Amino acid sequence: MTDQASKPETKATETDRGYWTANVRIIAVCLVIWAIVSFGFGILLRPLLAGISVGGTDLGFWFAQQGSILVFLALIFFYAWRMNKLDREYGVDEG
């Protein structure tokens, strides 16, 4: 005796796929930006950025110490804003 009402819906709809595709795309873009800023500007491109002065130090050092953290915080706020907008578009918002 199995109860059909107690089984969760396992088939993903086209709307679900669209939502998660957009969600994963946003996450991927944010991760790429974070990797470029933290690893690229802070480590790989530091010698090229050494000639540019920001706050008494070179730009490469600034990105390694503070810039990557500030970009990470900006990405968190961007992700929250964009996901709220996406949730409203797909009708899964909390409010």
Protein backbone atom coordinates (compact mmCIF):
# COMPACT_ATOMS: atom_id res chain seq x y z
CA MET A 1 0.00 0.00 0.00
CA THR A 2 1.68 3.13 -1.18
CA ASP A 3 0.27 6.55 -0.70
CA GLN A 4 0.71 8.66 -3.83
CA ALA A 5 0.10 11.90 -1.92
CA SER A 6 3.12 11.36 0.33
CA LYS A 7 5.57 11.01 -2.58
CA PRO A 8 7.36 14.21 -3.52
CA GLU A 9 7.22 15.44 -7.11
CA THR A 10 10.48 14.34 -8.74
CA LYS A 11 9.98 15.54 -12.29
CA ALA A 12 11.50 18.95 -12.87
CA THR A 13 9.41 21.32 -14.91
CA GLU A 14 10.75 23.62 -17.61
CA THR A 15 10.31 26.56 -15.22
CA ASP A 16 12.44 24.81 -12.59
CA ARG A 17 15.18 24.17 -15.13
CA GLY A 18 15.11 27.80 -16.25
CA TYR A 19 15.33 29.02 -12.66
CA TRP A 20 18.27 26.80 -11.79
CA THR A 21 20.06 27.53 -15.06
CA ALA A 22 19.85 31.25 -14.31
CA ASN A 23 20.90 30.65 -10.69
CA VAL A 24 23.98 28.62 -11.67
CA ARG A 25 24.90 31.21 -14.32
CA ILE A 26 24.84 33.99 -11.70
CA ILE A 27 26.97 31.90 -9.34
CA ALA A 28 29.49 31.10 -12.11
CA VAL A 29 29.84 34.76 -13.11
CA CYS A 30 30.35 35.81 -9.49
CA LEU A 31 32.99 33.13 -8.95
CA VAL A 32 34.86 34.08 -12.13
CA ILE A 33 34.89 37.76 -11.11
CA TRP A 34 36.08 36.86 -7.62
CA ALA A 35 38.84 34.59 -9.00
CA ILE A 36 40.06 37.24 -11.44
CA VAL A 37 40.15 39.94 -8.78
CA SER A 38 41.66 37.90 -5.95
CA PHE A 39 44.01 35.56 -7.80
CA GLY A 40 44.57 37.53 -11.00
CA PHE A 41 44.96 41.09 -9.72
CA GLY A 42 46.39 40.15 -6.32
CA ILE A 43 48.91 37.53 -7.44
CA LEU A 44 49.39 37.09 -11.18
CA LEU A 45 49.11 40.71 -12.31
CA ARG A 46 50.74 42.26 -9.25
CA PRO A 47 54.00 43.15 -11.05
CA LEU A 48 52.03 44.93 -13.79
CA LEU A 49 49.98 46.86 -11.22
CA ALA A 50 53.01 47.84 -9.12
CA GLY A 51 53.40 51.19 -10.86
CA ILE A 52 49.90 52.39 -9.97
CA SER A 53 49.67 53.93 -6.50
CA VAL A 54 46.55 53.65 -4.32
CA GLY A 55 46.59 54.97 -0.77
CA GLY A 56 50.38 55.01 -0.53
CA THR A 57 50.89 51.46 -1.82
CA ASP A 58 50.86 49.78 -5.20
CA LEU A 59 47.57 48.60 -6.73
CA GLY A 60 48.57 44.91 -6.77
CA PHE A 61 49.26 44.93 -3.04
CA TRP A 62 46.00 46.80 -2.43
CA PHE A 63 44.02 44.14 -4.33
CA ALA A 64 45.79 41.36 -2.43
CA GLN A 65 45.08 42.92 0.96
CA GLN A 66 41.81 44.83 0.65
CA GLY A 67 40.49 44.96 -2.89
CA SER A 68 39.58 41.29 -3.17
CA ILE A 69 37.70 41.44 0.13
CA LEU A 70 35.75 44.53 -0.94
CA VAL A 71 34.91 42.94 -4.30
CA PHE A 72 33.79 39.78 -2.48
CA LEU A 73 31.45 41.83 -0.28
CA ALA A 74 30.09 43.65 -3.33
CA LEU A 75 29.48 40.27 -5.01
CA ILE A 76 27.52 39.07 -1.97
CA PHE A 77 25.21 42.08 -2.16
CA PHE A 78 24.90 41.73 -5.94
CA TYR A 79 24.06 38.03 -5.62
CA ALA A 80 21.39 38.69 -2.98
CA TRP A 81 19.83 41.49 -5.08
CA ARG A 82 19.91 39.45 -8.30
CA MET A 83 18.51 36.31 -6.65
CA ASN A 84 15.63 38.29 -5.12
CA LYS A 85 14.85 39.62 -8.59
CA LEU A 86 15.10 36.10 -10.08
CA ASP A 87 12.86 34.70 -7.33
CA ARG A 88 10.20 37.30 -8.16
CA GLU A 89 10.46 36.50 -11.87
CA TYR A 90 9.83 32.79 -11.24
CA GLY A 91 7.28 33.29 -8.46
CA VAL A 92 9.30 31.67 -5.69
CA ASP A 93 9.96 34.79 -3.61
CA GLU A 94 9.38 34.80 0.11
CA GLY A 95 7.15 37.87 0.23
